[in-house]
């Protein structure tokens, strides 16, 4: 069963209680009969290592991603790696394919 945190809006009394998903939320403070509110906190799950990027989990990739995992605690980073710019084109033209050098037979 999950544990929920509550705090009273009148007296400030705070407590945790285990409730099933089907139970209704508590609304009355057990200390002063004031109004309760649920207190939400961050989830304690941190994804580290390879396997969490889209291209790490593809079948047949055969290698892990060269992009390092984001450091924990950095809420500004997104789960999608940033795109890298394409390398500049070479200044010399590519050699012509061998099939183009043969004369056409008539």
PDB file of N, CA and C in Angstrom:
ATOM      1  N   UNK A   1       0.839  -1.182   0.000  1.00  0.00           N
ATOM      2  CA  UNK A   1       0.000   0.000   0.000  1.00  0.00           C
ATOM      3  C   UNK A   1       0.885   1.246   0.000  1.00  0.00           C
ATOM      4  N   UNK A   2       0.487   2.248  -0.766  1.00  0.00           N
ATOM      5  CA  UNK A   2       1.275   3.482  -0.800  1.00  0.00           C
ATOM      6  C   UNK A   2       1.089   4.324   0.459  1.00  0.00           C
ATOM      7  N   UNK A   3       2.093   5.127   0.745  1.00  0.00           N
ATOM      8  CA  UNK A   3       2.056   6.040   1.878  1.00  0.00           C
ATOM      9  C   UNK A   3       1.826   7.459   1.362  1.00  0.00           C
ATOM     10  N   UNK A   4       0.866   8.158   1.928  1.00  0.00           N
ATOM     11  CA  UNK A   4       0.538   9.522   1.533  1.00  0.00           C
ATOM     12  C   UNK A   4       0.859  10.466   2.676  1.00  0.00           C
ATOM     13  N   UNK A   5       1.316  11.669   2.326  1.00  0.00           N
ATOM     14  CA  UNK A   5       1.600  12.706   3.316  1.00  0.00           C
ATOM     15  C   UNK A   5       0.482  13.736   3.284  1.00  0.00           C
ATOM     16  N   UNK A   6       0.052  14.146   4.467  1.00  0.00           N
ATOM     17  CA  UNK A   6      -0.992  15.154   4.608  1.00  0.00           C
ATOM     18  C   UNK A   6      -0.499  16.255   5.524  1.00  0.00           C
ATOM     19  N   UNK A   7      -1.036  17.465   5.323  1.00  0.00           N
ATOM     20  CA  UNK A   7      -0.753  18.592   6.209  1.00  0.00           C
ATOM     21  C   UNK A   7      -2.044  19.374   6.401  1.00  0.00           C
ATOM     22  N   UNK A   8      -2.244  19.858   7.613  1.00  0.00           N
ATOM     23  CA  UNK A   8      -3.439  20.638   7.937  1.00  0.00           C
ATOM     24  C   UNK A   8      -3.205  22.083   7.519  1.00  0.00           C
ATOM     25  N   UNK A   9      -4.210  22.684   6.898  1.00  0.00           N
ATOM     26  CA  UNK A   9      -4.105  24.084   6.473  1.00  0.00           C
ATOM     27  C   UNK A   9      -4.362  25.049   7.630  1.00  0.00           C
ATOM     28  N   UNK A  10      -4.916  24.556   8.746  1.00  0.00           N
ATOM     29  CA  UNK A  10      -5.252  25.412   9.878  1.00  0.00           C
ATOM     30  C   UNK A  10      -4.136  25.394  10.931  1.00  0.00           C
ATOM     31  N   UNK A  11      -3.811  24.199  11.453  1.00  0.00           N
ATOM     32  CA  UNK A  11      -2.834  24.113  12.551  1.00  0.00           C
ATOM     33  C   UNK A  11      -1.430  23.711  12.086  1.00  0.00           C
ATOM     34  N   UNK A  12      -1.291  23.241  10.842  1.00  0.00           N
ATOM     35  CA  UNK A  12       0.023  22.861  10.322  1.00  0.00           C
ATOM     36  C   UNK A  12       0.460  21.453  10.680  1.00  0.00           C
ATOM     37  N   UNK A  13      -0.393  20.689  11.349  1.00  0.00           N
ATOM     38  CA  UNK A  13      -0.067  19.308  11.710  1.00  0.00           C
ATOM     39  C   UNK A  13       0.194  18.496  10.435  1.00  0.00           C
ATOM     40  N   UNK A  14       1.334  17.803  10.399  1.00  0.00           N
ATOM     41  CA  UNK A  14       1.699  16.997   9.227  1.00  0.00           C
ATOM     42  C   UNK A  14       1.888  15.549   9.661  1.00  0.00           C
ATOM     43  N   UNK A  15       1.444  14.622   8.817  1.00  0.00           N
ATOM     44  CA  UNK A  15       1.582  13.200   9.115  1.00  0.00           C
ATOM     45  C   UNK A  15       1.526  12.386   7.826  1.00  0.00           C
ATOM     46  N   UNK A  16       1.984  11.153   7.924  1.00  0.00           N
ATOM     47  CA  UNK A  16       1.952  10.199   6.820  1.00  0.00           C
ATOM     48  C   UNK A  16       1.003   9.068   7.187  1.00  0.00           C
ATOM     49  N   UNK A  17       0.323   8.525   6.184  1.00  0.00           N
ATOM     50  CA  UNK A  17      -0.607   7.419   6.412  1.00  0.00           C
ATOM     51  C   UNK A  17      -0.602   6.493   5.203  1.00  0.00           C
ATOM     52  N   UNK A  18      -0.723   5.207   5.471  1.00  0.00           N
ATOM     53  CA  UNK A  18      -0.821   4.226   4.388  1.00  0.00           C
ATOM     54  C   UNK A  18      -2.281   4.041   4.017  1.00  0.00           C
ATOM     55  N   UNK A  19      -2.570   4.214   2.729  1.00  0.00           N
ATOM     56  CA  UNK A  19      -3.929   4.051   2.220  1.00  0.00           C
ATOM     57  C   UNK A  19      -3.878   3.264   0.922  1.00  0.00           C
ATOM     58  N   UNK A  20      -4.911   2.491   0.664  1.00  0.00           N
ATOM     59  CA  UNK A  20      -4.995   1.789  -0.610  1.00  0.00           C
ATOM     60  C   UNK A  20      -5.458   2.777  -1.682  1.00  0.00           C
ATOM     61  N   UNK A  21      -5.268   2.398  -2.947  1.00  0.00           N
ATOM     62  CA  UNK A  21      -5.667   3.270  -4.043  1.00  0.00           C
ATOM     63  C   UNK A  21      -7.175   3.523  -4.065  1.00  0.00           C
ATOM     64  N   UNK A  22      -7.957   2.566  -3.590  1.00  0.00           N
ATOM     65  CA  UNK A  22      -9.411   2.694  -3.652  1.00  0.00           C
ATOM     66  C   UNK A  22      -9.985   3.568  -2.527  1.00  0.00           C
ATOM     67  N   UNK A  23      -9.205   3.859  -1.498  1.00  0.00           N
ATOM     68  CA  UNK A  23      -9.699   4.688  -0.389  1.00  0.00           C
ATOM     69  C   UNK A  23      -9.760   6.157  -0.793  1.00  0.00           C
ATOM     70  N   UNK A  24     -10.734   6.882  -0.248  1.00  0.00           N
ATOM     71  CA  UNK A  24     -10.839   8.317  -0.481  1.00  0.00           C
ATOM     72  C   UNK A  24      -9.755   9.049   0.307  1.00  0.00           C
ATOM     73  N   UNK A  25      -9.352  10.225  -0.195  1.00  0.00           N
ATOM     74  CA  UNK A  25      -8.366  11.046   0.510  1.00  0.00           C
ATOM     75  C   UNK A  25      -8.957  11.559   1.813  1.00  0.00           C
ATOM     76  N   UNK A  26      -8.079  11.773   2.809  1.00  0.00           N
ATOM     77  CA  UNK A  26      -8.530  12.340   4.075  1.00  0.00           C
ATOM     78  C   UNK A  26      -8.777  13.836   3.888  1.00  0.00           C
ATOM     79  N   UNK A  27      -9.776  14.360   4.580  1.00  0.00           N
ATOM     80  CA  UNK A  27     -10.119  15.774   4.435  1.00  0.00           C
ATOM     81  C   UNK A  27     -10.155  16.522   5.762  1.00  0.00           C
ATOM     82  N   UNK A  28     -10.193  15.805   6.894  1.00  0.00           N
ATOM     83  CA  UNK A  28     -10.336  16.440   8.206  1.00  0.00           C
ATOM     84  C   UNK A  28      -9.111  16.119   9.055  1.00  0.00           C
ATOM     85  N   UNK A  29      -8.522  17.154   9.652  1.00  0.00           N
ATOM     86  CA  UNK A  29      -7.345  16.991  10.504  1.00  0.00           C
ATOM     87  C   UNK A  29      -7.733  16.264  11.797  1.00  0.00           C
ATOM     88  N   UNK A  30      -6.961  15.244  12.210  1.00  0.00           N
ATOM     89  CA  UNK A  30      -7.291  14.533  13.453  1.00  0.00           C
ATOM     90  C   UNK A  30      -6.978  15.356  14.706  1.00  0.00           C
ATOM     91  N   UNK A  31      -6.192  16.440  14.594  1.00  0.00           N
ATOM     92  CA  UNK A  31      -5.818  17.267  15.744  1.00  0.00           C
ATOM     93  C   UNK A  31      -6.830  18.386  16.005  1.00  0.00           C
ATOM     94  N   UNK A  32      -7.207  19.138  14.925  1.00  0.00           N
ATOM     95  CA  UNK A  32      -8.032  20.332  15.147  1.00  0.00           C
ATOM     96  C   UNK A  32      -9.313  20.346  14.312  1.00  0.00           C
ATOM     97  N   UNK A  33      -9.598  19.291  13.589  1.00  0.00           N
ATOM     98  CA  UNK A  33     -10.752  19.189  12.685  1.00  0.00           C
ATOM     99  C   UNK A  33     -10.696  20.214  11.547  1.00  0.00           C
ATOM    100  N   UNK A  34      -9.485  20.707  11.245  1.00  0.00           N
ATOM    101  CA  UNK A  34      -9.305  21.638  10.135  1.00  0.00           C
ATOM    102  C   UNK A  34      -9.226  20.884   8.800  1.00  0.00           C
ATOM    103  N   UNK A  35      -8.989  21.638   7.755  1.00  0.00           N
ATOM    104  CA  UNK A  35      -8.963  21.071   6.399  1.00  0.00           C
ATOM    105  C   UNK A  35      -7.565  20.514   6.091  1.00  0.00           C
ATOM    106  N   UNK A  36      -7.513  19.275   5.566  1.00  0.00           N
ATOM    107  CA  UNK A  36      -6.246  18.637   5.187  1.00  0.00           C
ATOM    108  C   UNK A  36      -5.985  18.811   3.703  1.00  0.00           C
ATOM    109  N   UNK A  37      -4.707  18.806   3.355  1.00  0.00           N
ATOM    110  CA  UNK A  37      -4.312  18.773   1.946  1.00  0.00           C
ATOM    111  C   UNK A  37      -3.208  17.741   1.799  1.00  0.00           C
ATOM    112  N   UNK A  38      -3.149  17.107   0.623  1.00  0.00           N
ATOM    113  CA  UNK A  38      -2.081  16.151   0.348  1.00  0.00           C
ATOM    114  C   UNK A  38      -0.799  16.913   0.059  1.00  0.00           C
ATOM    115  N   UNK A  39       0.311  16.377   0.515  1.00  0.00           N
ATOM    116  CA  UNK A  39       1.622  16.971   0.266  1.00  0.00           C
ATOM    117  C   UNK A  39       2.325  16.084  -0.757  1.00  0.00           C
ATOM    118  N   UNK A  40       2.701  16.683  -1.881  1.00  0.00           N
ATOM    119  CA  UNK A  40       3.368  15.934  -2.936  1.00  0.00           C
ATOM    120  C   UNK A  40       4.860  16.230  -2.902  1.00  0.00           C
ATOM    121  N   UNK A  41       5.653  15.202  -3.127  1.00  0.00           N
ATOM    122  CA  UNK A  41       7.103  15.373  -3.166  1.00  0.00           C
ATOM    123  C   UNK A  41       7.645  14.694  -4.420  1.00  0.00           C
ATOM    124  N   UNK A  42       8.927  14.912  -4.681  1.00  0.00           N
ATOM    125  CA  UNK A  42       9.534  14.340  -5.883  1.00  0.00           C
ATOM    126  C   UNK A  42       9.654  12.823  -5.752  1.00  0.00           C
ATOM    127  N   UNK A  43       9.648  12.167  -6.879  1.00  0.00           N
ATOM    128  CA  UNK A  43       9.745  10.715  -6.918  1.00  0.00           C
ATOM    129  C   UNK A  43      11.207  10.323  -6.747  1.00  0.00           C
ATOM    130  N   UNK A  44      11.469   9.285  -6.004  1.00  0.00           N
ATOM    131  CA  UNK A  44      12.832   8.863  -5.722  1.00  0.00           C
ATOM    132  C   UNK A  44      13.401   7.889  -6.722  1.00  0.00           C
ATOM    133  N   UNK A  45      13.183   8.107  -8.005  1.00  0.00           N
ATOM    134  CA  UNK A  45      13.718   7.225  -9.037  1.00  0.00           C
ATOM    135  C   UNK A  45      14.688   8.013  -9.903  1.00  0.00           C
ATOM    136  N   UNK A  46      15.894   7.488 -10.085  1.00  0.00           N
ATOM    137  CA  UNK A  46      16.898   8.132 -10.927  1.00  0.00           C
ATOM    138  C   UNK A  46      17.352   7.109 -11.958  1.00  0.00           C
ATOM    139  N   UNK A  47      17.257   7.460 -13.247  1.00  0.00           N
ATOM    140  CA  UNK A  47      17.690   6.579 -14.319  1.00  0.00           C
ATOM    141  C   UNK A  47      19.132   6.913 -14.663  1.00  0.00           C
ATOM    142  N   UNK A  48      20.036   5.945 -14.482  1.00  0.00           N
ATOM    143  CA  UNK A  48      21.444   6.157 -14.788  1.00  0.00           C
ATOM    144  C   UNK A  48      21.916   5.042 -15.715  1.00  0.00           C
ATOM    145  N   UNK A  49      22.936   5.320 -16.488  1.00  0.00           N
ATOM    146  CA  UNK A  49      23.546   4.311 -17.344  1.00  0.00           C
ATOM    147  C   UNK A  49      22.921   4.262 -18.715  1.00  0.00           C
ATOM    148  N   UNK A  50      23.369   3.312 -19.511  1.00  0.00           N
ATOM    149  CA  UNK A  50      22.852   3.199 -20.875  1.00  0.00           C
ATOM    150  C   UNK A  50      21.514   2.470 -20.861  1.00  0.00           C
ATOM    151  N   UNK A  51      20.799   2.555 -21.974  1.00  0.00           N
ATOM    152  CA  UNK A  51      19.525   1.876 -22.083  1.00  0.00           C
ATOM    153  C   UNK A  51      18.330   2.780 -21.909  1.00  0.00           C
ATOM    154  N   UNK A  52      18.554   4.084 -21.658  1.00  0.00           N
ATOM    155  CA  UNK A  52      17.444   4.977 -21.418  1.00  0.00           C
ATOM    156  C   UNK A  52      17.219   5.970 -22.543  1.00  0.00           C
ATOM    157  N   UNK A  53      18.070   5.930 -23.555  1.00  0.00           N
ATOM    158  CA  UNK A  53      17.848   6.752 -24.729  1.00  0.00           C
ATOM    159  C   UNK A  53      17.112   5.936 -25.774  1.00  0.00           C
ATOM    160  N   UNK A  54      16.420   6.598 -26.679  1.00  0.00           N
ATOM    161  CA  UNK A  54      15.595   5.924 -27.672  1.00  0.00           C
ATOM    162  C   UNK A  54      16.421   4.958 -28.519  1.00  0.00           C
ATOM    163  N   UNK A  55      17.612   5.341 -28.954  1.00  0.00           N
ATOM    164  CA  UNK A  55      18.377   4.463 -29.838  1.00  0.00           C
ATOM    165  C   UNK A  55      19.166   3.402 -29.069  1.00  0.00           C
ATOM    166  N   UNK A  56      19.224   3.413 -27.747  1.00  0.00           N
ATOM    167  CA  UNK A  56      19.888   2.365 -26.992  1.00  0.00           C
ATOM    168  C   UNK A  56      19.058   1.093 -26.949  1.00  0.00           C
ATOM    169  N   UNK A  57      17.745   1.198 -27.015  1.00  0.00           N
ATOM    170  CA  UNK A  57      16.873   0.043 -26.841  1.00  0.00           C
ATOM    171  C   UNK A  57      16.472  -0.612 -28.161  1.00  0.00           C
ATOM    172  N   UNK A  58      16.921  -0.085 -29.286  1.00  0.00           N
ATOM    173  CA  UNK A  58      16.530  -0.666 -30.569  1.00  0.00           C
ATOM    174  C   UNK A  58      17.183  -2.024 -30.772  1.00  0.00           C
ATOM    175  N   UNK A  59      16.453  -2.928 -31.375  1.00  0.00           N
ATOM    176  CA  UNK A  59      16.964  -4.268 -31.641  1.00  0.00           C
ATOM    177  C   UNK A  59      18.048  -4.196 -32.706  1.00  0.00           C
ATOM    178  N   UNK A  60      19.125  -4.936 -32.492  1.00  0.00           N
ATOM    179  CA  UNK A  60      20.182  -5.029 -33.483  1.00  0.00           C
ATOM    180  C   UNK A  60      21.131  -3.862 -33.504  1.00  0.00           C
ATOM    181  N   UNK A  61      21.080  -2.962 -32.524  1.00  0.00           N
ATOM    182  CA  UNK A  61      21.994  -1.817 -32.547  1.00  0.00           C
ATOM    183  C   UNK A  61      23.417  -2.287 -32.286  1.00  0.00           C
ATOM    184  N   UNK A  62      23.599  -3.280 -31.428  1.00  0.00           N
ATOM    185  CA  UNK A  62      24.893  -3.890 -31.213  1.00  0.00           C
ATOM    186  C   UNK A  62      25.883  -3.052 -30.442  1.00  0.00           C
ATOM    187  N   UNK A  63      25.582  -1.812 -30.167  1.00  0.00           N
ATOM    188  CA  UNK A  63      26.479  -0.981 -29.382  1.00  0.00           C
ATOM    189  C   UNK A  63      25.659  -0.042 -28.515  1.00  0.00           C
ATOM    190  N   UNK A  64      26.293   0.442 -27.463  1.00  0.00           N
ATOM    191  CA  UNK A  64      25.593   1.384 -26.600  1.00  0.00           C
ATOM    192  C   UNK A  64      25.805   2.785 -27.122  1.00  0.00           C
ATOM    193  N   UNK A  65      24.995   3.683 -26.687  1.00  0.00           N
ATOM    194  CA  UNK A  65      25.047   5.064 -27.156  1.00  0.00           C
ATOM    195  C   UNK A  65      26.324   5.734 -26.685  1.00  0.00           C
ATOM    196  N   UNK A  66      26.864   6.625 -27.495  1.00  0.00           N
ATOM    197  CA  UNK A  66      28.055   7.366 -27.106  1.00  0.00           C
ATOM    198  C   UNK A  66      27.693   8.619 -26.323  1.00  0.00           C
ATOM    199  N   UNK A  67      26.402   8.872 -26.130  1.00  0.00           N
ATOM    200  CA  UNK A  67      25.941  10.041 -25.389  1.00  0.00           C
ATOM    201  C   UNK A  67      25.848   9.658 -23.919  1.00  0.00           C
ATOM    202  N   UNK A  68      26.558  10.363 -23.030  1.00  0.00           N
ATOM    203  CA  UNK A  68      26.506  10.000 -21.614  1.00  0.00           C
ATOM    204  C   UNK A  68      25.158  10.333 -21.012  1.00  0.00           C
ATOM    205  N   UNK A  69      24.830   9.642 -19.931  1.00  0.00           N
ATOM    206  CA  UNK A  69      23.575   9.893 -19.222  1.00  0.00           C
ATOM    207  C   UNK A  69      23.647  11.245 -18.542  1.00  0.00           C
ATOM    208  N   UNK A  70      22.509  11.906 -18.409  1.00  0.00           N
ATOM    209  CA  UNK A  70      22.450  13.215 -17.758  1.00  0.00           C
ATOM    210  C   UNK A  70      22.750  13.040 -16.278  1.00  0.00           C
ATOM    211  N   UNK A  71      23.463  13.981 -15.670  1.00  0.00           N
ATOM    212  CA  UNK A  71      23.752  13.869 -14.244  1.00  0.00           C
ATOM    213  C   UNK A  71      22.475  13.959 -13.428  1.00  0.00           C
ATOM    214  N   UNK A  72      22.442  13.250 -12.312  1.00  0.00           N
ATOM    215  CA  UNK A  72      21.242  13.252 -11.478  1.00  0.00           C
ATOM    216  C   UNK A  72      21.058  14.616 -10.840  1.00  0.00           C
ATOM    217  N   UNK A  73      19.805  14.988 -10.639  1.00  0.00           N
ATOM    218  CA  UNK A  73      19.492  16.264 -10.027  1.00  0.00           C
ATOM    219  C   UNK A  73      19.379  17.403 -11.017  1.00  0.00           C
ATOM    220  N   UNK A  74      19.654  17.181 -12.266  1.00  0.00           N
ATOM    221  CA  UNK A  74      19.558  18.225 -13.275  1.00  0.00           C
ATOM    222  C   UNK A  74      18.172  18.187 -13.876  1.00  0.00           C
ATOM    223  N   UNK A  75      17.283  19.042 -13.400  1.00  0.00           N
ATOM    224  CA  UNK A  75      15.901  19.015 -13.869  1.00  0.00           C
ATOM    225  C   UNK A  75      15.719  19.753 -15.173  1.00  0.00           C
ATOM    226  N   UNK A  76      16.740  20.523 -15.609  1.00  0.00           N
ATOM    227  CA  UNK A  76      16.580  21.302 -16.834  1.00  0.00           C
ATOM    228  C   UNK A  76      16.860  20.487 -18.082  1.00  0.00           C
ATOM    229  N   UNK A  77      17.500  19.322 -17.948  1.00  0.00           N
ATOM    230  CA  UNK A  77      17.816  18.538 -19.138  1.00  0.00           C
ATOM    231  C   UNK A  77      16.609  17.707 -19.546  1.00  0.00           C
ATOM    232  N   UNK A  78      16.496  17.466 -20.825  1.00  0.00           N
ATOM    233  CA  UNK A  78      15.390  16.655 -21.317  1.00  0.00           C
ATOM    234  C   UNK A  78      15.874  15.234 -21.518  1.00  0.00           C
ATOM    235  N   UNK A  79      14.959  14.314 -21.722  1.00  0.00           N
ATOM    236  CA  UNK A  79      15.337  12.923 -21.900  1.00  0.00           C
ATOM    237  C   UNK A  79      15.795  12.633 -23.314  1.00  0.00           C
ATOM    238  N   UNK A  80      15.626  13.573 -24.236  1.00  0.00           N
ATOM    239  CA  UNK A  80      16.058  13.379 -25.616  1.00  0.00           C
ATOM    240  C   UNK A  80      17.409  14.048 -25.799  1.00  0.00           C
ATOM    241  N   UNK A  81      18.411  13.312 -26.323  1.00  0.00           N
ATOM    242  CA  UNK A  81      19.718  13.934 -26.506  1.00  0.00           C
ATOM    243  C   UNK A  81      19.666  15.031 -27.555  1.00  0.00           C
ATOM    244  N   UNK A  82      20.520  16.041 -27.400  1.00  0.00           N
ATOM    245  CA  UNK A  82      20.562  17.156 -28.334  1.00  0.00           C
ATOM    246  C   UNK A  82      21.160  16.701 -29.661  1.00  0.00           C
ATOM    247  N   UNK A  83      20.673  17.275 -30.747  1.00  0.00           N
ATOM    248  CA  UNK A  83      21.180  16.919 -32.072  1.00  0.00           C
ATOM    249  C   UNK A  83      22.546  17.552 -32.265  1.00  0.00           C
ATOM    250  N   UNK A  84      23.456  16.820 -32.894  1.00  0.00           N
ATOM    251  CA  UNK A  84      24.782  17.341 -33.179  1.00  0.00           C
ATOM    252  C   UNK A  84      24.823  17.817 -34.613  1.00  0.00           C
ATOM    253  N   UNK A  85      25.575  18.890 -34.911  1.00  0.00           N
ATOM    254  CA  UNK A  85      25.623  19.389 -36.282  1.00  0.00           C
ATOM    255  C   UNK A  85      26.324  18.392 -37.198  1.00  0.00           C
ATOM    256  N   UNK A  86      25.903  18.367 -38.459  1.00  0.00           N
ATOM    257  CA  UNK A  86      26.489  17.465 -39.439  1.00  0.00           C
ATOM    258  C   UNK A  86      27.876  17.963 -39.804  1.00  0.00           C
ATOM    259  N   UNK A  87      28.837  17.046 -40.101  1.00  0.00           N
ATOM    260  CA  UNK A  87      30.170  17.489 -40.481  1.00  0.00           C
ATOM    261  C   UNK A  87      30.125  18.248 -41.802  1.00  0.00           C
ATOM    262  N   UNK A  88      31.064  19.165 -41.961  1.00  0.00           N
ATOM    263  CA  UNK A  88      31.125  19.971 -43.183  1.00  0.00           C
ATOM    264  C   UNK A  88      31.482  19.081 -44.372  1.00  0.00           C
ATOM    265  N   UNK A  89      30.972  19.437 -45.564  1.00  0.00           N
ATOM    266  CA  UNK A  89      31.239  18.656 -46.766  1.00  0.00           C
ATOM    267  C   UNK A  89      32.699  18.818 -47.169  1.00  0.00           C
ATOM    268  N   UNK A  90      33.281  17.779 -47.767  1.00  0.00           N
ATOM    269  CA  UNK A  90      34.676  17.817 -48.204  1.00  0.00           C
ATOM    270  C   UNK A  90      34.822  18.800 -49.362  1.00  0.00           C
ATOM    271  N   UNK A  91      35.998  19.453 -49.462  1.00  0.00           N
ATOM    272  CA  UNK A  91      36.195  20.455 -50.506  1.00  0.00           C
ATOM    273  C   UNK A  91      36.514  19.816 -51.860  1.00  0.00           C
ATOM    274  N   UNK A  92      36.949  18.555 -51.878  1.00  0.00           N
ATOM    275  CA  UNK A  92      37.233  17.887 -53.153  1.00  0.00           C
ATOM    276  C   UNK A  92      36.044  17.036 -53.542  1.00  0.00           C
ATOM    277  N   UNK A  93      35.713  16.980 -54.847  1.00  0.00           N
ATOM    278  CA  UNK A  93      34.568  16.171 -55.257  1.00  0.00           C
ATOM    279  C   UNK A  93      34.868  14.678 -55.115  1.00  0.00           C
ATOM    280  N   UNK A  94      33.819  13.914 -54.901  1.00  0.00           N
ATOM    281  CA  UNK A  94      33.966  12.469 -54.774  1.00  0.00           C
ATOM    282  C   UNK A  94      34.298  11.876 -56.138  1.00  0.00           C
ATOM    283  N   UNK A  95      35.092  10.781 -56.190  1.00  0.00           N
ATOM    284  CA  UNK A  95      35.413  10.158 -57.475  1.00  0.00           C
ATOM    285  C   UNK A  95      34.163   9.572 -58.120  1.00  0.00           C
ATOM    286  N   UNK A  96      34.130   9.574 -59.435  1.00  0.00           N
ATOM    287  CA  UNK A  96      32.980   9.046 -60.179  1.00  0.00           C
ATOM    288  C   UNK A  96      32.938   7.535 -60.013  1.00  0.00           C
ATOM    289  N   UNK A  97      31.735   6.945 -59.998  1.00  0.00           N
ATOM    290  CA  UNK A  97      31.621   5.484 -59.891  1.00  0.00           C
ATOM    291  C   UNK A  97      32.244   4.820 -61.120  1.00  0.00           C
ATOM    292  N   UNK A  98      32.747   3.588 -60.948  1.00  0.00           N
ATOM    293  CA  UNK A  98      33.421   2.865 -62.019  1.00  0.00           C
ATOM    294  C   UNK A  98      32.482   2.575 -63.188  1.00  0.00           C
ATOM    295  N   UNK A  99      31.200   2.370 -62.951  1.00  0.00           N
ATOM    296  CA  UNK A  99      30.256   2.040 -64.016  1.00  0.00           C
ATOM    297  C   UNK A  99      30.072   3.218 -64.967  1.00  0.00           C
ATOM    298  N   UNK A 100      30.240   4.432 -64.524  1.00  0.00           N
ATOM    299  CA  UNK A 100      30.041   5.607 -65.380  1.00  0.00           C
ATOM    300  C   UNK A 100      31.219   5.794 -66.350  1.00  0.00           C
ATOM    301  N   UNK A 101      32.388   5.209 -66.077  1.00  0.00           N
ATOM    302  CA  UNK A 101      33.568   5.374 -66.926  1.00  0.00           C
ATOM    303  C   UNK A 101      33.509   4.498 -68.174  1.00  0.00           C
ATOM    304  N   UNK A 102      32.725   3.415 -68.169  1.00  0.00           N
ATOM    305  CA  UNK A 102      32.632   2.515 -69.324  1.00  0.00           C
ATOM    306  C   UNK A 102      31.758   3.121 -70.405  1.00  0.00           C
ATOM    307  N   UNK A 103      32.157   2.983 -71.693  1.00  0.00           N
ATOM    308  CA  UNK A 103      31.276   3.470 -72.761  1.00  0.00           C
ATOM    309  C   UNK A 103      30.065   2.564 -72.903  1.00  0.00           C
ATOM    310  N   UNK A 104      28.960   3.155 -73.296  1.00  0.00           N
ATOM    311  CA  UNK A 104      27.702   2.401 -73.472  1.00  0.00           C
ATOM    312  C   UNK A 104      27.786   1.540 -74.738  1.00  0.00           C
ATOM    313  N   UNK A 105      27.372   0.284 -74.661  1.00  0.00           N
ATOM    314  CA  UNK A 105      27.370  -0.612 -75.827  1.00  0.00           C
ATOM    315  C   UNK A 105      26.136  -0.347 -76.662  1.00  0.00           C
ATOM    316  N   UNK A 106      26.324  -0.348 -78.035  1.00  0.00           N
ATOM    317  CA  UNK A 106      25.156  -0.109 -78.874  1.00  0.00           C
ATOM    318  C   UNK A 106      24.680  -1.333 -79.559  1.00  0.00           C
TER     319      UNK A 106
END
